[in-house]
Amino acid sequence: MLKIEHLTKHYGTFPALQDLSLEIPERQLHGFLGPNGAGKTTTMRILATLMTPTSGRASVDGVDVVRKPHEARKLIGYMPDFFGTYDNLTCREYLDFYGRCYRIGAKERQRMADQLLELIQLGDKRDTYVDSLSRGMKQRLCLARSLIHDPKLLILDEPASGMDPRARADMKGILRTLREMGKTVLISSHILPEMSELVDSLTILNRGRLVLSEDVKSLAARMSGNAPLEIRLAEGCGEEAVDAVVVCLKELPGVAEILQPEPYLLQVRLEGGDEQCMQMLREMTARGLPVTDFHRIPMNLEQVFMEVTQDE
């Protein structure tokens, strides 16, 4: 669906985007992450045909966004991080206006406007003036605006910015519905825990360069293999029992570090895989040590983000 090849953008001598190559298949929610100034918004503006790259190319469903911008815009719905609304229009009039911009017929505009207002849960607000809507409602209306021409690709730059928890939950539900409808969605956000629950795959940029691009399930499986172990001992088992567990761990191969954040909790960084884990558990069980819980600490998206974007 979306193909980016060696995309580069310089502002004067400053490299905002450097040799970015990326492919996103259809019917995916793809997260676009990175610290401020990483190049996310620059990339999205290029894809939305609002900016030309210094070099490289990008295409949506085979249509080059630089060489054929007018044709590409028919396939793209863009929601910027800062958007304006016409406050003296009702919600239906607002969507009707944008439908006219895409030269959609009157009957089709009305049908699309009513369907979209129901989709974004503003069906009862169709005749309400835009200036009376809350911020979260205006953001959902802006999302509906980007859908009025039924695009294949949605580019959403921080769509949940400034929303309260209830509004963010509503937006997540809408995005899942769009995926079920066959839309491909590229979404940037700084709300990392929610992104990990929402997207199918993600890309992380840092200083204009791609540092990671992977589907979420593969990333979770790979990172969990490197995650530290957490061993909980029976409460009140005594210092001697804790010392015995530490001695046991130090005798085993691959144990790189042992931490004790709580009296009866140990965290072990292991240089090895599942075989070392099983050997460790067998040895502690054979010695009759009071282990009540034994598991790897799951690595969340925020930890991954901090690890891959840290300065050298």
C-alpha atoms as a PDB file:
ATOM      1  CA  MET A   1       0.000   0.000   0.000  1.00  0.00           C
ATOM      2  CA  LEU A   2       2.589   2.575   1.128  1.00  0.00           C
ATOM      3  CA  LYS A   3       6.147   2.377  -0.203  1.00  0.00           C
ATOM      4  CA  ILE A   4       8.901   4.835   0.766  1.00  0.00           C
ATOM      5  CA  GLU A   5      12.288   4.633  -0.968  1.00  0.00           C
ATOM      6  CA  HIS A   6      15.384   6.529   0.210  1.00  0.00           C
ATOM      7  CA  LEU A   7      13.366   9.566   1.242  1.00  0.00           C
ATOM      8  CA  THR A   8      15.536  12.538   2.249  1.00  0.00           C
ATOM      9  CA  LYS A   9      14.643  16.108   3.219  1.00  0.00           C
ATOM     10  CA  HIS A  10      17.060  18.943   4.000  1.00  0.00           C
ATOM     11  CA  TYR A  11      16.113  22.337   5.407  1.00  0.00           C
ATOM     12  CA  GLY A  12      19.113  24.298   4.176  1.00  0.00           C
ATOM     13  CA  THR A  13      22.020  22.256   5.472  1.00  0.00           C
ATOM     14  CA  PHE A  14      19.982  20.578   8.226  1.00  0.00           C
ATOM     15  CA  PRO A  15      19.049  16.940   7.439  1.00  0.00           C
ATOM     16  CA  ALA A  16      15.514  16.531   8.788  1.00  0.00           C
ATOM     17  CA  LEU A  17      15.072  13.153   7.090  1.00  0.00           C
ATOM     18  CA  GLN A  18      17.864  10.872   5.927  1.00  0.00           C
ATOM     19  CA  ASP A  19      17.486   7.975   3.484  1.00  0.00           C
ATOM     20  CA  LEU A  20      14.203   6.602   4.858  1.00  0.00           C
ATOM     21  CA  SER A  21      12.925   3.396   3.244  1.00  0.00           C
ATOM     22  CA  LEU A  22       9.754   1.723   4.519  1.00  0.00           C
ATOM     23  CA  GLU A  23       6.848  -0.412   3.318  1.00  0.00           C
ATOM     24  CA  ILE A  24       3.438  -0.706   4.990  1.00  0.00           C
ATOM     25  CA  PRO A  25       0.983  -3.324   3.709  1.00  0.00           C
ATOM     26  CA  GLU A  26      -2.712  -2.619   3.382  1.00  0.00           C
ATOM     27  CA  ARG A  27      -5.185  -3.038   6.249  1.00  0.00           C
ATOM     28  CA  GLN A  28      -2.596  -2.216   8.926  1.00  0.00           C
ATOM     29  CA  LEU A  29      -2.421   0.257  11.771  1.00  0.00           C
ATOM     30  CA  HIS A  30       1.195   1.374  11.689  1.00  0.00           C
ATOM     31  CA  GLY A  31       2.695   3.393  14.531  1.00  0.00           C
ATOM     32  CA  PHE A  32       5.164   6.164  13.704  1.00  0.00           C
ATOM     33  CA  LEU A  33       7.290   7.028  16.733  1.00  0.00           C
ATOM     34  CA  GLY A  34      10.274   9.171  17.582  1.00  0.00           C
ATOM     35  CA  PRO A  35      11.391  12.024  19.832  1.00  0.00           C
ATOM     36  CA  ASN A  36      10.640  15.633  18.905  1.00  0.00           C
ATOM     37  CA  GLY A  37      12.560  16.579  15.768  1.00  0.00           C
ATOM     38  CA  ALA A  38      12.980  12.982  14.621  1.00  0.00           C
ATOM     39  CA  GLY A  39      11.372  13.626  11.215  1.00  0.00           C
ATOM     40  CA  LYS A  40       7.870  12.180  11.733  1.00  0.00           C
ATOM     41  CA  THR A  41       5.866  15.251  10.719  1.00  0.00           C
ATOM     42  CA  THR A  42       8.218  15.981   7.810  1.00  0.00           C
ATOM     43  CA  THR A  43       7.631  12.459   6.490  1.00  0.00           C
ATOM     44  CA  MET A  44       3.875  12.752   6.899  1.00  0.00           C
ATOM     45  CA  ARG A  45       3.742  16.101   5.094  1.00  0.00           C
ATOM     46  CA  ILE A  46       5.696  14.658   2.191  1.00  0.00           C
ATOM     47  CA  LEU A  47       3.322  11.692   2.011  1.00  0.00           C
ATOM     48  CA  ALA A  48       0.339  14.056   2.152  1.00  0.00           C
ATOM     49  CA  THR A  49       1.774  15.958  -0.880  1.00  0.00           C
ATOM     50  CA  LEU A  50       2.209  19.137   1.191  1.00  0.00           C
ATOM     51  CA  MET A  51       5.999  19.114   0.895  1.00  0.00           C
ATOM     52  CA  THR A  52       8.485  17.871  -1.669  1.00  0.00           C
ATOM     53  CA  PRO A  53      11.484  15.776  -0.617  1.00  0.00           C
ATOM     54  CA  THR A  54      15.072  16.673  -1.411  1.00  0.00           C
ATOM     55  CA  SER A  55      15.475  13.203  -2.887  1.00  0.00           C
ATOM     56  CA  GLY A  56      13.832   9.796  -2.857  1.00  0.00           C
ATOM     57  CA  ARG A  57      10.283   8.824  -3.651  1.00  0.00           C
ATOM     58  CA  ALA A  58       7.085   7.573  -2.063  1.00  0.00           C
ATOM     59  CA  SER A  59       4.002   5.946  -3.541  1.00  0.00           C
ATOM     60  CA  VAL A  60       0.516   5.082  -2.322  1.00  0.00           C
ATOM     61  CA  ASP A  61      -1.123   2.107  -4.033  1.00  0.00           C
ATOM     62  CA  GLY A  62       1.407   2.536  -6.834  1.00  0.00           C
ATOM     63  CA  VAL A  63       0.822   6.289  -7.316  1.00  0.00           C
ATOM     64  CA  ASP A  64       3.890   8.513  -6.836  1.00  0.00           C
ATOM     65  CA  VAL A  65       3.011  11.273  -4.364  1.00  0.00           C
ATOM     66  CA  VAL A  66       5.591  13.693  -5.829  1.00  0.00           C
ATOM     67  CA  ARG A  67       5.084  13.148  -9.559  1.00  0.00           C
ATOM     68  CA  LYS A  68       1.291  12.671  -9.408  1.00  0.00           C
ATOM     69  CA  PRO A  69       0.120  14.645  -6.347  1.00  0.00           C
ATOM     70  CA  HIS A  70      -3.429  15.282  -7.599  1.00  0.00           C
ATOM     71  CA  GLU A  71      -3.978  11.579  -8.253  1.00  0.00           C
ATOM     72  CA  ALA A  72      -2.362  10.641  -4.924  1.00  0.00           C
ATOM     73  CA  ARG A  73      -4.626  12.982  -2.923  1.00  0.00           C
ATOM     74  CA  LYS A  74      -7.625  10.931  -3.966  1.00  0.00           C
ATOM     75  CA  LEU A  75      -6.084   7.990  -2.097  1.00  0.00           C
ATOM     76  CA  ILE A  76      -4.935   9.862   1.024  1.00  0.00           C
ATOM     77  CA  GLY A  77      -6.740  11.256   4.046  1.00  0.00           C
ATOM     78  CA  TYR A  78      -4.550  13.555   6.156  1.00  0.00           C
ATOM     79  CA  MET A  79      -5.220  14.765   9.700  1.00  0.00           C
ATOM     80  CA  PRO A  80      -2.506  17.197  10.876  1.00  0.00           C
ATOM     81  CA  ASP A  81      -1.461  17.691  14.477  1.00  0.00           C
ATOM     82  CA  PHE A  82      -2.858  21.244  14.390  1.00  0.00           C
ATOM     83  CA  PHE A  83      -6.067  21.715  12.468  1.00  0.00           C
ATOM     84  CA  GLY A  84      -8.625  24.439  11.934  1.00  0.00           C
ATOM     85  CA  THR A  85     -12.400  24.270  11.917  1.00  0.00           C
ATOM     86  CA  TYR A  86     -15.059  26.573  10.485  1.00  0.00           C
ATOM     87  CA  ASP A  87     -16.974  27.422  13.628  1.00  0.00           C
ATOM     88  CA  ASN A  88     -19.995  29.004  11.921  1.00  0.00           C
ATOM     89  CA  LEU A  89     -20.905  25.707  10.226  1.00  0.00           C
ATOM     90  CA  THR A  90     -22.806  22.756  11.625  1.00  0.00           C
ATOM     91  CA  CYS A  91     -21.095  19.368  11.669  1.00  0.00           C
ATOM     92  CA  ARG A  92     -23.019  18.217   8.597  1.00  0.00           C
ATOM     93  CA  GLU A  93     -22.277  21.473   6.734  1.00  0.00           C
ATOM     94  CA  TYR A  94     -18.609  21.157   7.646  1.00  0.00           C
ATOM     95  CA  LEU A  95     -18.358  17.696   6.078  1.00  0.00           C
ATOM     96  CA  ASP A  96     -20.502  18.773   3.133  1.00  0.00           C
ATOM     97  CA  PHE A  97     -18.054  21.613   2.416  1.00  0.00           C
ATOM     98  CA  TYR A  98     -15.116  19.223   2.192  1.00  0.00           C
ATOM     99  CA  GLY A  99     -17.151  16.805   0.116  1.00  0.00           C
ATOM    100  CA  ARG A 100     -17.697  19.633  -2.381  1.00  0.00           C
ATOM    101  CA  CYS A 101     -13.918  20.219  -2.444  1.00  0.00           C
ATOM    102  CA  TYR A 102     -13.544  16.641  -3.688  1.00  0.00           C
ATOM    103  CA  ARG A 103     -16.392  17.201  -6.196  1.00  0.00           C
ATOM    104  CA  ILE A 104     -18.580  14.540  -4.628  1.00  0.00           C
ATOM    105  CA  GLY A 105     -22.234  14.644  -5.734  1.00  0.00           C
ATOM    106  CA  ALA A 106     -24.904  16.038  -3.395  1.00  0.00           C
ATOM    107  CA  LYS A 107     -26.583  12.704  -2.557  1.00  0.00           C
ATOM    108  CA  GLU A 108     -23.265  10.963  -1.997  1.00  0.00           C
ATOM    109  CA  ARG A 109     -22.036  13.855   0.190  1.00  0.00           C
ATOM    110  CA  GLN A 110     -25.102  13.592   2.397  1.00  0.00           C
ATOM    111  CA  ARG A 111     -24.779   9.820   2.667  1.00  0.00           C
ATOM    112  CA  MET A 112     -21.075   9.990   3.500  1.00  0.00           C
ATOM    113  CA  ALA A 113     -21.550  12.807   6.021  1.00  0.00           C
ATOM    114  CA  ASP A 114     -24.279  10.910   7.894  1.00  0.00           C
ATOM    115  CA  GLN A 115     -22.276   7.661   7.895  1.00  0.00           C
ATOM    116  CA  LEU A 116     -19.114   9.377   9.102  1.00  0.00           C
ATOM    117  CA  LEU A 117     -20.893  11.231  11.883  1.00  0.00           C
ATOM    118  CA  GLU A 118     -22.241   7.909  13.119  1.00  0.00           C
ATOM    119  CA  LEU A 119     -18.776   6.349  12.843  1.00  0.00           C
ATOM    120  CA  ILE A 120     -17.179   9.070  14.996  1.00  0.00           C
ATOM    121  CA  GLN A 121     -20.084   8.941  17.456  1.00  0.00           C
ATOM    122  CA  LEU A 122     -21.387  12.406  16.612  1.00  0.00           C
ATOM    123  CA  GLY A 123     -24.590  11.334  14.895  1.00  0.00           C
ATOM    124  CA  ASP A 124     -26.661  13.322  17.376  1.00  0.00           C
ATOM    125  CA  LYS A 125     -24.523  16.423  16.714  1.00  0.00           C
ATOM    126  CA  ARG A 126     -25.087  16.690  12.951  1.00  0.00           C
ATOM    127  CA  ASP A 127     -26.942  20.003  13.288  1.00  0.00           C
ATOM    128  CA  THR A 128     -24.755  21.345  16.108  1.00  0.00           C
ATOM    129  CA  TYR A 129     -22.394  24.226  15.333  1.00  0.00           C
ATOM    130  CA  VAL A 130     -18.729  23.252  15.334  1.00  0.00           C
ATOM    131  CA  ASP A 131     -17.729  26.015  17.769  1.00  0.00           C
ATOM    132  CA  SER A 132     -19.860  24.427  20.495  1.00  0.00           C
ATOM    133  CA  LEU A 133     -18.038  21.075  20.321  1.00  0.00           C
ATOM    134  CA  SER A 134     -15.424  19.979  22.839  1.00  0.00           C
ATOM    135  CA  ARG A 135     -11.799  19.564  21.723  1.00  0.00           C
ATOM    136  CA  GLY A 136     -12.163  15.787  21.539  1.00  0.00           C
ATOM    137  CA  MET A 137     -15.298  16.102  19.403  1.00  0.00           C
ATOM    138  CA  LYS A 138     -13.550  18.537  17.053  1.00  0.00           C
ATOM    139  CA  GLN A 139     -10.680  16.090  16.650  1.00  0.00           C
ATOM    140  CA  ARG A 140     -13.092  13.300  15.753  1.00  0.00           C
ATOM    141  CA  LEU A 141     -14.806  15.641  13.294  1.00  0.00           C
ATOM    142  CA  CYS A 142     -11.429  16.403  11.722  1.00  0.00           C
ATOM    143  CA  LEU A 143     -10.893  12.648  11.364  1.00  0.00           C
ATOM    144  CA  ALA A 144     -14.269  12.383   9.601  1.00  0.00           C
ATOM    145  CA  ARG A 145     -13.193  15.241   7.307  1.00  0.00           C
ATOM    146  CA  SER A 146     -10.135  13.225   6.246  1.00  0.00           C
ATOM    147  CA  LEU A 147     -12.429  10.294   5.397  1.00  0.00           C
ATOM    148  CA  ILE A 148     -15.046  12.154   3.345  1.00  0.00           C
ATOM    149  CA  HIS A 149     -13.580  10.981  -0.014  1.00  0.00           C
ATOM    150  CA  ASP A 150     -13.152   7.365   1.181  1.00  0.00           C
ATOM    151  CA  PRO A 151      -9.320   7.231   0.972  1.00  0.00           C
ATOM    152  CA  LYS A 152      -7.301   4.017   1.130  1.00  0.00           C
ATOM    153  CA  LEU A 153      -4.563   5.499   3.339  1.00  0.00           C
ATOM    154  CA  LEU A 154      -5.046   7.637   6.453  1.00  0.00           C
ATOM    155  CA  ILE A 155      -2.153   9.745   7.752  1.00  0.00           C
ATOM    156  CA  LEU A 156      -2.874  10.855  11.314  1.00  0.00           C
ATOM    157  CA  ASP A 157      -0.391  13.133  13.083  1.00  0.00           C
ATOM    158  CA  GLU A 158      -0.976  12.956  16.862  1.00  0.00           C
ATOM    159  CA  PRO A 159      -4.770  12.402  16.537  1.00  0.00           C
ATOM    160  CA  ALA A 160      -5.283  11.917  20.297  1.00  0.00           C
ATOM    161  CA  SER A 161      -3.189  14.904  21.411  1.00  0.00           C
ATOM    162  CA  GLY A 162      -4.881  16.785  24.247  1.00  0.00           C
ATOM    163  CA  MET A 163      -7.723  14.288  24.623  1.00  0.00           C
ATOM    164  CA  ASP A 164      -8.905  13.060  28.017  1.00  0.00           C
ATOM    165  CA  PRO A 165      -8.765   9.283  28.733  1.00  0.00           C
ATOM    166  CA  ARG A 166     -12.401   8.720  27.702  1.00  0.00           C
ATOM    167  CA  ALA A 167     -11.934  10.541  24.396  1.00  0.00           C
ATOM    168  CA  ARG A 168      -8.708   8.638  23.685  1.00  0.00           C
ATOM    169  CA  ALA A 169     -10.497   5.338  24.279  1.00  0.00           C
ATOM    170  CA  ASP A 170     -13.199   6.421  21.808  1.00  0.00           C
ATOM    171  CA  MET A 171     -10.564   7.348  19.232  1.00  0.00           C
ATOM    172  CA  LYS A 172      -8.860   3.947  19.628  1.00  0.00           C
ATOM    173  CA  GLY A 173     -12.170   2.211  18.984  1.00  0.00           C
ATOM    174  CA  ILE A 174     -12.730   4.286  15.836  1.00  0.00           C
ATOM    175  CA  LEU A 175      -9.261   3.458  14.512  1.00  0.00           C
ATOM    176  CA  ARG A 176      -9.839  -0.265  15.027  1.00  0.00           C
ATOM    177  CA  THR A 177     -13.117   0.050  13.115  1.00  0.00           C
ATOM    178  CA  LEU A 178     -11.309   1.763  10.239  1.00  0.00           C
ATOM    179  CA  ARG A 179      -8.856  -1.123  10.046  1.00  0.00           C
ATOM    180  CA  GLU A 180     -11.782  -3.555   9.888  1.00  0.00           C
ATOM    181  CA  MET A 181     -13.169  -1.443   7.026  1.00  0.00           C
ATOM    182  CA  GLY A 182      -9.963  -2.081   5.076  1.00  0.00           C
ATOM    183  CA  LYS A 183      -8.180   1.220   5.680  1.00  0.00           C
ATOM    184  CA  THR A 184      -4.415   1.471   6.079  1.00  0.00           C
ATOM    185  CA  VAL A 185      -3.526   3.908   8.863  1.00  0.00           C
ATOM    186  CA  LEU A 186      -0.196   5.613   9.577  1.00  0.00           C
ATOM    187  CA  ILE A 187      -0.453   7.164  13.035  1.00  0.00           C
ATOM    188  CA  SER A 188       2.098   9.124  15.055  1.00  0.00           C
ATOM    189  CA  SER A 189       1.778   9.460  18.810  1.00  0.00           C
ATOM    190  CA  HIS A 190       3.736  10.023  22.009  1.00  0.00           C
ATOM    191  CA  ILE A 191       1.318   7.926  24.103  1.00  0.00           C
ATOM    192  CA  LEU A 192       3.478   4.816  23.937  1.00  0.00           C
ATOM    193  CA  PRO A 193       1.529   2.334  26.126  1.00  0.00           C
ATOM    194  CA  GLU A 194      -1.636   2.913  24.104  1.00  0.00           C
ATOM    195  CA  MET A 195       0.239   2.606  20.810  1.00  0.00           C
ATOM    196  CA  SER A 196       1.550  -0.833  21.749  1.00  0.00           C
ATOM    197  CA  GLU A 197      -2.030  -2.002  22.360  1.00  0.00           C
ATOM    198  CA  LEU A 198      -3.360  -0.450  19.148  1.00  0.00           C
ATOM    199  CA  VAL A 199      -0.930  -0.843  16.236  1.00  0.00           C
ATOM    200  CA  ASP A 200       0.013  -3.918  14.209  1.00  0.00           C
ATOM    201  CA  SER A 201       3.508  -2.673  13.386  1.00  0.00           C
ATOM    202  CA  LEU A 202       5.676   0.326  14.170  1.00  0.00           C
ATOM    203  CA  THR A 203       8.568   2.421  12.980  1.00  0.00           C
ATOM    204  CA  ILE A 204      10.871   4.441  15.219  1.00  0.00           C
ATOM    205  CA  LEU A 205      12.840   7.398  13.864  1.00  0.00           C
ATOM    206  CA  ASN A 206      15.683   9.220  15.577  1.00  0.00           C
ATOM    207  CA  ARG A 207      17.467  12.285  14.174  1.00  0.00           C
ATOM    208  CA  GLY A 208      15.870  11.727  10.801  1.00  0.00           C
ATOM    209  CA  ARG A 209      16.973   8.108  10.481  1.00  0.00           C
ATOM    210  CA  LEU A 210      15.072   4.850  10.793  1.00  0.00           C
ATOM    211  CA  VAL A 211      16.297   2.898  13.816  1.00  0.00           C
ATOM    212  CA  LEU A 212      13.603   0.203  14.024  1.00  0.00           C
ATOM    213  CA  SER A 213      10.696  -1.038  11.914  1.00  0.00           C
ATOM    214  CA  GLU A 214       8.939  -4.262  12.890  1.00  0.00           C
ATOM    215  CA  ASP A 215       5.562  -5.807  13.572  1.00  0.00           C
ATOM    216  CA  VAL A 216       4.566  -5.617  17.225  1.00  0.00           C
ATOM    217  CA  LYS A 217       4.268  -9.355  17.839  1.00  0.00           C
ATOM    218  CA  SER A 218       7.746 -10.093  16.491  1.00  0.00           C
ATOM    219  CA  LEU A 219       9.208  -7.206  18.448  1.00  0.00           C
ATOM    220  CA  ALA A 220       7.550  -8.365  21.673  1.00  0.00           C
ATOM    221  CA  ALA A 221       8.826 -11.931  21.190  1.00  0.00           C
ATOM    222  CA  ARG A 222      12.363 -10.749  20.420  1.00  0.00           C
ATOM    223  CA  MET A 223      12.554  -8.286  23.285  1.00  0.00           C
ATOM    224  CA  SER A 224      11.069 -10.694  25.824  1.00  0.00           C
ATOM    225  CA  GLY A 225      13.954 -13.074  25.115  1.00  0.00           C
ATOM    226  CA  ASN A 226      16.379 -10.428  26.382  1.00  0.00           C
ATOM    227  CA  ALA A 227      14.265  -9.325  29.320  1.00  0.00           C
ATOM    228  CA  PRO A 228      15.543  -9.918  32.868  1.00  0.00           C
ATOM    229  CA  LEU A 229      14.126 -12.665  35.079  1.00  0.00           C
ATOM    230  CA  GLU A 230      12.157 -11.928  38.195  1.00  0.00           C
ATOM    231  CA  ILE A 231      12.290 -14.448  41.057  1.00  0.00           C
ATOM    232  CA  ARG A 232       9.981 -14.014  44.034  1.00  0.00           C
ATOM    233  CA  LEU A 233      10.624 -15.941  47.245  1.00  0.00           C
ATOM    234  CA  ALA A 234       8.180 -16.918  49.980  1.00  0.00           C
ATOM    235  CA  GLU A 235       7.468 -14.013  52.309  1.00  0.00           C
ATOM    236  CA  GLY A 236       9.304 -14.398  55.608  1.00  0.00           C
ATOM    237  CA  CYS A 237      11.583 -17.212  54.385  1.00  0.00           C
ATOM    238  CA  GLY A 238      14.504 -15.464  56.062  1.00  0.00           C
ATOM    239  CA  GLU A 239      17.836 -13.996  54.991  1.00  0.00           C
ATOM    240  CA  GLU A 240      19.531 -17.402  54.940  1.00  0.00           C
ATOM    241  CA  ALA A 241      17.106 -18.648  52.293  1.00  0.00           C
ATOM    242  CA  VAL A 242      17.637 -15.510  50.191  1.00  0.00           C
ATOM    243  CA  ASP A 243      21.412 -15.927  50.497  1.00  0.00           C
ATOM    244  CA  ALA A 244      21.088 -19.571  49.433  1.00  0.00           C
ATOM    245  CA  VAL A 245      19.198 -18.543  46.282  1.00  0.00           C
ATOM    246  CA  VAL A 246      21.859 -15.933  45.449  1.00  0.00           C
ATOM    247  CA  VAL A 247      24.628 -18.530  45.920  1.00  0.00           C
ATOM    248  CA  CYS A 248      22.763 -20.951  43.668  1.00  0.00           C
ATOM    249  CA  LEU A 249      22.341 -18.329  40.949  1.00  0.00           C
ATOM    250  CA  LYS A 250      26.016 -17.328  41.040  1.00  0.00           C
ATOM    251  CA  GLU A 251      27.031 -20.939  40.463  1.00  0.00           C
ATOM    252  CA  LEU A 252      24.996 -21.173  37.256  1.00  0.00           C
ATOM    253  CA  PRO A 253      26.402 -20.236  33.825  1.00  0.00           C
ATOM    254  CA  GLY A 254      25.155 -17.109  32.044  1.00  0.00           C
ATOM    255  CA  VAL A 255      24.120 -15.099  35.120  1.00  0.00           C
ATOM    256  CA  ALA A 256      25.383 -11.565  34.425  1.00  0.00           C
ATOM    257  CA  GLU A 257      23.771  -9.567  37.229  1.00  0.00           C
ATOM    258  CA  ILE A 258      21.644 -10.121  40.352  1.00  0.00           C
ATOM    259  CA  LEU A 259      19.612  -7.304  41.898  1.00  0.00           C
ATOM    260  CA  GLN A 260      17.439  -7.320  45.032  1.00  0.00           C
ATOM    261  CA  PRO A 261      14.871  -4.485  44.775  1.00  0.00           C
ATOM    262  CA  GLU A 262      12.801  -5.936  47.644  1.00  0.00           C
ATOM    263  CA  PRO A 263      13.648  -8.258  50.577  1.00  0.00           C
ATOM    264  CA  TYR A 264      12.142 -11.335  48.893  1.00  0.00           C
ATOM    265  CA  LEU A 265      12.436 -10.326  45.237  1.00  0.00           C
ATOM    266  CA  LEU A 266      15.436 -10.923  42.962  1.00  0.00           C
ATOM    267  CA  GLN A 267      15.976  -9.691  39.406  1.00  0.00           C
ATOM    268  CA  VAL A 268      18.473 -11.582  37.284  1.00  0.00           C
ATOM    269  CA  ARG A 269      19.984 -10.483  33.978  1.00  0.00           C
ATOM    270  CA  LEU A 270      20.806 -13.640  32.080  1.00  0.00           C
ATOM    271  CA  GLU A 271      23.118 -14.016  29.094  1.00  0.00           C
ATOM    272  CA  GLY A 272      21.311 -16.934  27.578  1.00  0.00           C
ATOM    273  CA  GLY A 273      17.995 -18.232  26.352  1.00  0.00           C
ATOM    274  CA  ASP A 274      15.263 -20.591  27.481  1.00  0.00           C
ATOM    275  CA  GLU A 275      17.672 -23.470  28.182  1.00  0.00           C
ATOM    276  CA  GLN A 276      19.478 -21.424  30.848  1.00  0.00           C
ATOM    277  CA  CYS A 277      16.130 -20.407  32.346  1.00  0.00           C
ATOM    278  CA  MET A 278      15.006 -24.016  32.618  1.00  0.00           C
ATOM    279  CA  GLN A 279      18.349 -25.057  34.133  1.00  0.00           C
ATOM    280  CA  MET A 280      18.064 -22.290  36.696  1.00  0.00           C
ATOM    281  CA  LEU A 281      14.547 -23.294  37.718  1.00  0.00           C
ATOM    282  CA  ARG A 282      15.474 -27.004  37.904  1.00  0.00           C
ATOM    283  CA  GLU A 283      18.473 -26.269  40.117  1.00  0.00           C
ATOM    284  CA  MET A 284      16.541 -24.079  42.557  1.00  0.00           C
ATOM    285  CA  THR A 285      13.736 -26.651  42.756  1.00  0.00           C
ATOM    286  CA  ALA A 286      16.213 -29.497  43.346  1.00  0.00           C
ATOM    287  CA  ARG A 287      17.745 -27.589  46.252  1.00  0.00           C
ATOM    288  CA  GLY A 288      14.332 -27.002  47.805  1.00  0.00           C
ATOM    289  CA  LEU A 289      14.637 -23.210  47.672  1.00  0.00           C
ATOM    290  CA  PRO A 290      11.418 -21.256  48.515  1.00  0.00           C
ATOM    291  CA  VAL A 291      10.673 -19.876  45.017  1.00  0.00           C
ATOM    292  CA  THR A 292       7.007 -18.874  44.575  1.00  0.00           C
ATOM    293  CA  ASP A 293       7.200 -17.023  41.232  1.00  0.00           C
ATOM    294  CA  PHE A 294       9.626 -17.202  38.314  1.00  0.00           C
ATOM    295  CA  HIS A 295       9.135 -15.229  35.074  1.00  0.00           C
ATOM    296  CA  ARG A 296      10.697 -12.828  32.599  1.00  0.00           C
ATOM    297  CA  ILE A 297       9.832  -9.160  33.064  1.00  0.00           C
ATOM    298  CA  PRO A 298       7.931  -8.117  29.924  1.00  0.00           C
ATOM    299  CA  MET A 299       9.582  -5.244  28.065  1.00  0.00           C
ATOM    300  CA  ASN A 300       7.059  -2.565  27.109  1.00  0.00           C
ATOM    301  CA  LEU A 301       7.122  -0.195  24.139  1.00  0.00           C
ATOM    302  CA  GLU A 302       8.366   2.711  26.238  1.00  0.00           C
ATOM    303  CA  GLN A 303      11.459   0.740  27.264  1.00  0.00           C
ATOM    304  CA  VAL A 304      12.113  -0.235  23.643  1.00  0.00           C
ATOM    305  CA  PHE A 305      11.713   3.393  22.575  1.00  0.00           C
ATOM    306  CA  MET A 306      14.143   4.653  25.210  1.00  0.00           C
ATOM    307  CA  GLU A 307      16.681   1.974  24.308  1.00  0.00           C
ATOM    308  CA  VAL A 308      16.750   2.554  20.552  1.00  0.00           C
ATOM    309  CA  THR A 309      16.661   6.377  20.699  1.00  0.00           C
ATOM    310  CA  GLN A 310      19.278   6.929  23.386  1.00  0.00           C
ATOM    311  CA  ASP A 311      22.301   8.984  22.403  1.00  0.00           C
ATOM    312  CA  GLU A 312      25.568   7.172  21.901  1.00  0.00           C
END
